[in-house]
C-alpha atoms as a PDB file:
ATOM      1  CA  ASN A   1      35.077 151.732  65.883  1.00  0.00           C
ATOM      2  CA  THR A   2      38.643 150.373  65.750  1.00  0.00           C
ATOM      3  CA  PRO A   3      40.695 148.503  68.375  1.00  0.00           C
ATOM      4  CA  GLU A   4      43.431 150.101  70.441  1.00  0.00           C
ATOM      5  CA  ILE A   5      45.953 150.296  67.622  1.00  0.00           C
ATOM      6  CA  ASN A   6      48.572 153.012  67.492  1.00  0.00           C
ATOM      7  CA  TYR A   7      49.604 152.656  63.867  1.00  0.00           C
ATOM      8  CA  SER A   8      48.453 151.574  60.428  1.00  0.00           C
ATOM      9  CA  LEU A   9      50.212 151.539  57.088  1.00  0.00           C
ATOM     10  CA  SER A  10      49.121 153.934  54.369  1.00  0.00           C
ATOM     11  CA  PHE A  11      49.138 152.582  50.795  1.00  0.00           C
ATOM     12  CA  ASP A  12      49.048 154.955  47.805  1.00  0.00           C
ATOM     13  CA  GLY A  13      47.290 152.674  45.295  1.00  0.00           C
ATOM     14  CA  VAL A  14      50.216 153.019  42.854  1.00  0.00           C
ATOM     15  CA  ASP A  15      53.145 150.904  44.022  1.00  0.00           C
ATOM     16  CA  ASP A  16      52.988 150.528  47.811  1.00  0.00           C
ATOM     17  CA  TYR A  17      52.823 147.066  49.347  1.00  0.00           C
ATOM     18  CA  VAL A  18      54.340 144.809  51.993  1.00  0.00           C
ATOM     19  CA  GLY A  19      55.918 141.609  50.709  1.00  0.00           C
ATOM     20  CA  GLY A  20      57.879 138.751  52.170  1.00  0.00           C
ATOM     21  CA  ALA A  21      58.798 135.096  51.988  1.00  0.00           C
ATOM     22  CA  ALA A  22      56.020 132.978  53.451  1.00  0.00           C
ATOM     23  CA  SER A  23      56.853 130.260  55.941  1.00  0.00           C
ATOM     24  CA  SER A  24      54.980 126.973  55.738  1.00  0.00           C
ATOM     25  CA  SER A  25      52.637 128.296  58.428  1.00  0.00           C
ATOM     26  CA  LEU A  26      50.631 130.287  55.865  1.00  0.00           C
ATOM     27  CA  ASP A  27      50.020 127.146  53.781  1.00  0.00           C
ATOM     28  CA  VAL A  28      46.497 126.018  54.729  1.00  0.00           C
ATOM     29  CA  THR A  29      46.380 122.836  52.637  1.00  0.00           C
ATOM     30  CA  SER A  30      46.974 120.662  55.704  1.00  0.00           C
ATOM     31  CA  THR A  31      43.841 121.883  57.492  1.00  0.00           C
ATOM     32  CA  ASN A  32      41.785 123.073  54.474  1.00  0.00           C
ATOM     33  CA  ARG A  33      40.520 125.791  56.797  1.00  0.00           C
ATOM     34  CA  ILE A  34      41.216 129.511  56.928  1.00  0.00           C
ATOM     35  CA  THR A  35      40.285 132.711  58.687  1.00  0.00           C
ATOM     36  CA  LEU A  36      41.663 135.952  57.242  1.00  0.00           C
ATOM     37  CA  SER A  37      40.813 139.330  58.745  1.00  0.00           C
ATOM     38  CA  ALA A  38      41.971 142.953  58.767  1.00  0.00           C
ATOM     39  CA  TRP A  39      40.962 146.485  59.591  1.00  0.00           C
ATOM     40  CA  ILE A  40      40.928 148.624  56.438  1.00  0.00           C
ATOM     41  CA  LYS A  41      40.072 152.187  55.413  1.00  0.00           C
ATOM     42  CA  ILE A  42      39.870 152.542  51.645  1.00  0.00           C
ATOM     43  CA  ASN A  43      40.227 155.829  49.744  1.00  0.00           C
ATOM     44  CA  ASP A  44      38.626 154.961  46.396  1.00  0.00           C
ATOM     45  CA  PHE A  45      37.216 152.146  44.268  1.00  0.00           C
ATOM     46  CA  SER A  46      38.751 153.195  40.938  1.00  0.00           C
ATOM     47  CA  ASN A  47      40.735 149.951  40.590  1.00  0.00           C
ATOM     48  CA  SER A  48      40.524 146.366  41.793  1.00  0.00           C
ATOM     49  CA  GLN A  49      42.554 146.127  44.993  1.00  0.00           C
ATOM     50  CA  THR A  50      44.061 143.392  47.165  1.00  0.00           C
ATOM     51  CA  ILE A  51      44.141 143.338  50.949  1.00  0.00           C
ATOM     52  CA  PHE A  52      46.166 140.132  51.417  1.00  0.00           C
ATOM     53  CA  ALA A  53      47.535 137.484  49.066  1.00  0.00           C
ATOM     54  CA  HIS A  54      49.460 134.263  49.673  1.00  0.00           C
ATOM     55  CA  GLY A  55      50.912 132.389  46.728  1.00  0.00           C
ATOM     56  CA  VAL A  56      53.740 132.295  44.214  1.00  0.00           C
ATOM     57  CA  ASP A  57      55.789 135.494  44.055  1.00  0.00           C
ATOM     58  CA  GLY A  58      55.333 137.273  40.738  1.00  0.00           C
ATOM     59  CA  ASP A  59      52.517 134.983  39.561  1.00  0.00           C
ATOM     60  CA  ASN A  60      49.132 136.610  40.026  1.00  0.00           C
ATOM     61  CA  GLY A  61      47.320 133.552  38.683  1.00  0.00           C
ATOM     62  CA  ASN A  62      48.679 131.305  41.387  1.00  0.00           C
ATOM     63  CA  ASN A  63      47.524 132.767  44.683  1.00  0.00           C
ATOM     64  CA  GLN A  64      46.727 130.039  47.166  1.00  0.00           C
ATOM     65  CA  TYR A  65      44.249 132.563  48.561  1.00  0.00           C
ATOM     66  CA  SER A  66      43.662 136.303  48.398  1.00  0.00           C
ATOM     67  CA  LEU A  67      41.102 138.748  49.750  1.00  0.00           C
ATOM     68  CA  ASN A  68      40.316 141.559  47.336  1.00  0.00           C
ATOM     69  CA  ILE A  69      38.019 144.527  46.661  1.00  0.00           C
ATOM     70  CA  THR A  70      36.094 145.128  43.444  1.00  0.00           C
ATOM     71  CA  THR A  71      35.561 148.494  41.746  1.00  0.00           C
ATOM     72  CA  ASP A  72      32.052 148.358  43.257  1.00  0.00           C
ATOM     73  CA  GLY A  73      33.535 148.294  46.753  1.00  0.00           C
ATOM     74  CA  LEU A  74      32.700 144.634  47.387  1.00  0.00           C
ATOM     75  CA  LEU A  75      34.957 142.055  48.988  1.00  0.00           C
ATOM     76  CA  TYR A  76      35.809 139.004  46.926  1.00  0.00           C
ATOM     77  CA  PHE A  77      37.821 135.883  47.641  1.00  0.00           C
ATOM     78  CA  ILE A  78      39.970 134.079  45.097  1.00  0.00           C
ATOM     79  CA  THR A  79      42.016 130.919  45.295  1.00  0.00           C
ATOM     80  CA  ALA A  80      43.831 129.408  42.333  1.00  0.00           C
ATOM     81  CA  GLY A  81      42.869 125.953  41.175  1.00  0.00           C
ATOM     82  CA  ALA A  82      45.234 123.028  41.493  1.00  0.00           C
ATOM     83  CA  ASN A  83      46.996 121.702  38.381  1.00  0.00           C
ATOM     84  CA  GLY A  84      46.036 124.655  36.198  1.00  0.00           C
ATOM     85  CA  SER A  85      42.288 124.321  36.662  1.00  0.00           C
ATOM     86  CA  SER A  86      40.039 127.365  36.417  1.00  0.00           C
ATOM     87  CA  GLY A  87      40.039 127.919  40.156  1.00  0.00           C
ATOM     88  CA  SER A  88      39.415 126.098  43.381  1.00  0.00           C
ATOM     89  CA  PHE A  89      36.152 127.069  45.087  1.00  0.00           C
ATOM     90  CA  GLU A  90      34.933 127.735  41.545  1.00  0.00           C
ATOM     91  CA  ASP A  91      35.431 131.146  39.966  1.00  0.00           C
ATOM     92  CA  GLY A  92      36.203 134.039  42.306  1.00  0.00           C
ATOM     93  CA  THR A  93      33.130 135.941  41.118  1.00  0.00           C
ATOM     94  CA  ASN A  94      31.014 133.428  43.016  1.00  0.00           C
ATOM     95  CA  ASN A  95      32.630 134.562  46.246  1.00  0.00           C
ATOM     96  CA  THR A  96      31.682 138.235  46.296  1.00  0.00           C
ATOM     97  CA  SER A  97      30.160 140.034  49.271  1.00  0.00           C
ATOM     98  CA  LEU A  98      26.786 141.752  49.125  1.00  0.00           C
ATOM     99  CA  THR A  99      27.324 145.008  51.035  1.00  0.00           C
ATOM    100  CA  PRO A 100      29.704 147.675  49.663  1.00  0.00           C
ATOM    101  CA  LEU A 101      32.420 149.151  51.828  1.00  0.00           C
ATOM    102  CA  THR A 102      32.152 152.818  52.791  1.00  0.00           C
ATOM    103  CA  LEU A 103      34.943 155.099  51.613  1.00  0.00           C
ATOM    104  CA  ASP A 104      37.163 156.776  54.225  1.00  0.00           C
ATOM    105  CA  TYR A 105      35.705 154.624  57.011  1.00  0.00           C
ATOM    106  CA  TRP A 106      37.391 151.976  59.146  1.00  0.00           C
ATOM    107  CA  HIS A 107      35.844 148.566  58.427  1.00  0.00           C
ATOM    108  CA  HIS A 108      36.690 145.197  59.911  1.00  0.00           C
ATOM    109  CA  VAL A 109      36.651 142.596  57.125  1.00  0.00           C
ATOM    110  CA  ALA A 110      36.928 138.826  57.535  1.00  0.00           C
ATOM    111  CA  LEU A 111      36.820 135.661  55.435  1.00  0.00           C
ATOM    112  CA  THR A 112      36.407 132.111  56.748  1.00  0.00           C
ATOM    113  CA  TYR A 113      36.287 128.655  55.174  1.00  0.00           C
ATOM    114  CA  ASP A 114      35.323 125.697  57.348  1.00  0.00           C
ATOM    115  CA  GLY A 115      35.380 122.917  54.768  1.00  0.00           C
ATOM    116  CA  ALA A 116      31.724 123.394  53.917  1.00  0.00           C
ATOM    117  CA  ALA A 117      31.145 127.113  53.339  1.00  0.00           C
ATOM    118  CA  ILE A 118      32.956 130.314  52.521  1.00  0.00           C
ATOM    119  CA  LYS A 119      31.704 133.149  54.718  1.00  0.00           C
ATOM    120  CA  MET A 120      32.457 136.861  54.559  1.00  0.00           C
ATOM    121  CA  TYR A 121      31.908 139.173  57.494  1.00  0.00           C
ATOM    122  CA  LEU A 122      31.712 142.964  57.447  1.00  0.00           C
ATOM    123  CA  ASP A 123      32.181 144.642  60.838  1.00  0.00           C
ATOM    124  CA  GLY A 124      31.438 141.334  62.548  1.00  0.00           C
ATOM    125  CA  ILE A 125      28.180 140.671  60.678  1.00  0.00           C
ATOM    126  CA  LEU A 126      27.802 137.763  58.242  1.00  0.00           C
ATOM    127  CA  ASP A 127      27.338 139.323  54.799  1.00  0.00           C
ATOM    128  CA  PHE A 128      27.825 136.428  52.369  1.00  0.00           C
ATOM    129  CA  GLN A 129      27.908 132.630  52.413  1.00  0.00           C
ATOM    130  CA  HIS A 130      28.808 130.195  49.623  1.00  0.00           C
ATOM    131  CA  ASP A 131      28.357 126.515  50.459  1.00  0.00           C
ATOM    132  CA  ILE A 132      31.047 124.467  48.720  1.00  0.00           C
ATOM    133  CA  VAL A 133      33.400 121.589  49.498  1.00  0.00           C
ATOM    134  CA  ASP A 134      36.839 122.001  47.936  1.00  0.00           C
ATOM    135  CA  ASN A 135      40.556 122.120  48.687  1.00  0.00           C
ATOM    136  CA  PHE A 136      43.267 124.771  48.563  1.00  0.00           C
ATOM    137  CA  PRO A 137      45.958 124.410  45.869  1.00  0.00           C
ATOM    138  CA  ASN A 138      49.623 123.904  46.730  1.00  0.00           C
ATOM    139  CA  ASN A 139      50.686 127.389  45.617  1.00  0.00           C
ATOM    140  CA  THR A 140      52.942 128.901  48.261  1.00  0.00           C
ATOM    141  CA  GLY A 141      56.132 130.858  48.752  1.00  0.00           C
ATOM    142  CA  SER A 142      55.289 134.504  49.323  1.00  0.00           C
ATOM    143  CA  PHE A 143      52.750 136.816  50.901  1.00  0.00           C
ATOM    144  CA  HIS A 144      51.689 140.350  50.064  1.00  0.00           C
ATOM    145  CA  ILE A 145      49.736 142.927  52.053  1.00  0.00           C
ATOM    146  CA  GLY A 146      48.261 145.688  49.925  1.00  0.00           C
ATOM    147  CA  SER A 147      48.854 143.977  46.579  1.00  0.00           C
ATOM    148  CA  SER A 148      48.430 140.721  44.693  1.00  0.00           C
ATOM    149  CA  SER A 149      51.373 138.380  44.101  1.00  0.00           C
ATOM    150  CA  ASN A 150      52.428 140.104  40.848  1.00  0.00           C
ATOM    151  CA  PRO A 151      52.527 142.666  42.531  1.00  0.00           C
ATOM    152  CA  SER A 152      49.500 144.527  41.152  1.00  0.00           C
ATOM    153  CA  ASN A 153      45.989 145.522  42.286  1.00  0.00           C
ATOM    154  CA  PHE A 154      47.549 147.938  44.752  1.00  0.00           C
ATOM    155  CA  PHE A 155      45.510 148.993  47.784  1.00  0.00           C
ATOM    156  CA  ASN A 156      44.665 152.679  48.209  1.00  0.00           C
ATOM    157  CA  GLY A 157      44.101 153.518  51.859  1.00  0.00           C
ATOM    158  CA  ASN A 158      45.109 152.189  55.271  1.00  0.00           C
ATOM    159  CA  ILE A 159      45.478 148.629  56.553  1.00  0.00           C
ATOM    160  CA  THR A 160      46.195 147.344  60.047  1.00  0.00           C
ATOM    161  CA  ASP A 161      45.746 144.331  62.328  1.00  0.00           C
ATOM    162  CA  VAL A 162      45.993 141.570  59.703  1.00  0.00           C
ATOM    163  CA  LYS A 163      45.428 138.045  61.048  1.00  0.00           C
ATOM    164  CA  VAL A 164      45.615 134.665  59.298  1.00  0.00           C
ATOM    165  CA  TRP A 165      44.492 131.427  60.969  1.00  0.00           C
ATOM    166  CA  ASN A 166      44.587 127.847  59.667  1.00  0.00           C
ATOM    167  CA  ILE A 167      41.273 127.199  61.404  1.00  0.00           C
ATOM    168  CA  SER A 168      37.797 128.592  60.823  1.00  0.00           C
ATOM    169  CA  ARG A 169      36.862 131.105  63.500  1.00  0.00           C
ATOM    170  CA  SER A 170      33.217 131.433  64.522  1.00  0.00           C
ATOM    171  CA  GLN A 171      31.277 134.682  64.261  1.00  0.00           C
ATOM    172  CA  SER A 172      31.484 135.237  68.022  1.00  0.00           C
ATOM    173  CA  GLU A 173      35.235 134.624  67.938  1.00  0.00           C
ATOM    174  CA  LEU A 174      35.618 137.089  65.063  1.00  0.00           C
ATOM    175  CA  GLN A 175      33.637 139.692  66.960  1.00  0.00           C
ATOM    176  CA  SER A 176      35.894 139.184  69.959  1.00  0.00           C
ATOM    177  CA  ASP A 177      39.024 139.341  67.777  1.00  0.00           C
ATOM    178  CA  MET A 178      37.946 142.657  66.272  1.00  0.00           C
ATOM    179  CA  LEU A 179      38.823 144.610  69.391  1.00  0.00           C
ATOM    180  CA  THR A 180      41.499 142.339  70.852  1.00  0.00           C
ATOM    181  CA  VAL A 181      45.264 142.656  70.710  1.00  0.00           C
ATOM    182  CA  LEU A 182      46.442 139.045  70.564  1.00  0.00           C
ATOM    183  CA  SER A 183      49.415 137.542  72.386  1.00  0.00           C
ATOM    184  CA  GLY A 184      50.560 135.880  69.139  1.00  0.00           C
ATOM    185  CA  ASN A 185      50.635 132.305  70.428  1.00  0.00           C
ATOM    186  CA  GLU A 186      46.930 131.540  70.052  1.00  0.00           C
ATOM    187  CA  SER A 187      46.184 128.071  68.681  1.00  0.00           C
ATOM    188  CA  GLY A 188      45.711 128.173  64.897  1.00  0.00           C
ATOM    189  CA  LEU A 189      47.150 131.683  64.459  1.00  0.00           C
ATOM    190  CA  VAL A 190      49.699 131.445  61.622  1.00  0.00           C
ATOM    191  CA  GLY A 191      50.273 135.103  60.686  1.00  0.00           C
ATOM    192  CA  TYR A 192      49.696 138.288  62.700  1.00  0.00           C
ATOM    193  CA  TRP A 193      50.762 141.814  61.834  1.00  0.00           C
ATOM    194  CA  ASN A 194      49.520 144.696  64.023  1.00  0.00           C
ATOM    195  CA  PHE A 195      51.617 147.427  62.315  1.00  0.00           C
ATOM    196  CA  ASN A 196      52.664 148.942  65.640  1.00  0.00           C
ATOM    197  CA  GLU A 197      56.386 149.113  64.845  1.00  0.00           C
ATOM    198  CA  GLY A 198      56.163 152.887  64.405  1.00  0.00           C
ATOM    199  CA  GLU A 199      59.517 153.058  62.608  1.00  0.00           C
ATOM    200  CA  GLY A 200      61.889 151.019  60.443  1.00  0.00           C
ATOM    201  CA  ASP A 201      61.248 149.053  57.268  1.00  0.00           C
ATOM    202  CA  VAL A 202      60.316 145.603  58.628  1.00  0.00           C
ATOM    203  CA  LEU A 203      56.763 144.513  59.432  1.00  0.00           C
ATOM    204  CA  THR A 204      57.056 141.792  62.080  1.00  0.00           C
ATOM    205  CA  ASP A 205      54.904 138.671  62.149  1.00  0.00           C
ATOM    206  CA  LEU A 206      53.826 138.552  65.806  1.00  0.00           C
ATOM    207  CA  SER A 207      52.636 134.938  65.498  1.00  0.00           C
ATOM    208  CA  GLY A 208      56.248 133.835  65.816  1.00  0.00           C
ATOM    209  CA  ASN A 209      56.177 132.064  62.450  1.00  0.00           C
ATOM    210  CA  GLY A 210      58.696 134.370  60.768  1.00  0.00           C
ATOM    211  CA  ASN A 211      56.445 135.843  58.080  1.00  0.00           C
ATOM    212  CA  ASN A 212      58.121 139.241  58.250  1.00  0.00           C
ATOM    213  CA  GLY A 213      57.431 141.771  55.509  1.00  0.00           C
END
């Protein structure tokens, strides 16, 4: 049930993560729109875990946005509030999916915000919607795959095919993306890591925006 991908990265849940300096491309304040997706296979739910985070390096309270997993196996989306507020898009607990992930199973997970609603998709199916009008904070500088910005909340399992867009993709577009290897120059694509390097210690951003990990 996964696309034609040769490689994924395995994270041990203890200290493994990918990190790098974020170019301005990952800053979604200009569009106030986002689509974030990945293929994941998780090993356990013993700790809160992060799939992808963009924010201030070393400051877990200042993620511009992050997609996470609760100890109940649910996806949840968090974005820090501007000017020290309690959190844009209200508290992150309001943005929690309904259907638990299955352990040791490849899932496609996706989050979109179109300026009117946060939507979470599990394997291409809409699972959760929160109608809200808000803006992303200006917290940028770094990105992490497999951990929060601290780093902490380490992911335990495998991740591959991470995509970030500064537009909101439709459900049909997400379903198409699930099994598609992109060229990297698609309109609105601001970060793309397919993990197919196979060797070396650099994870290349195939969107051409220089967000290498």
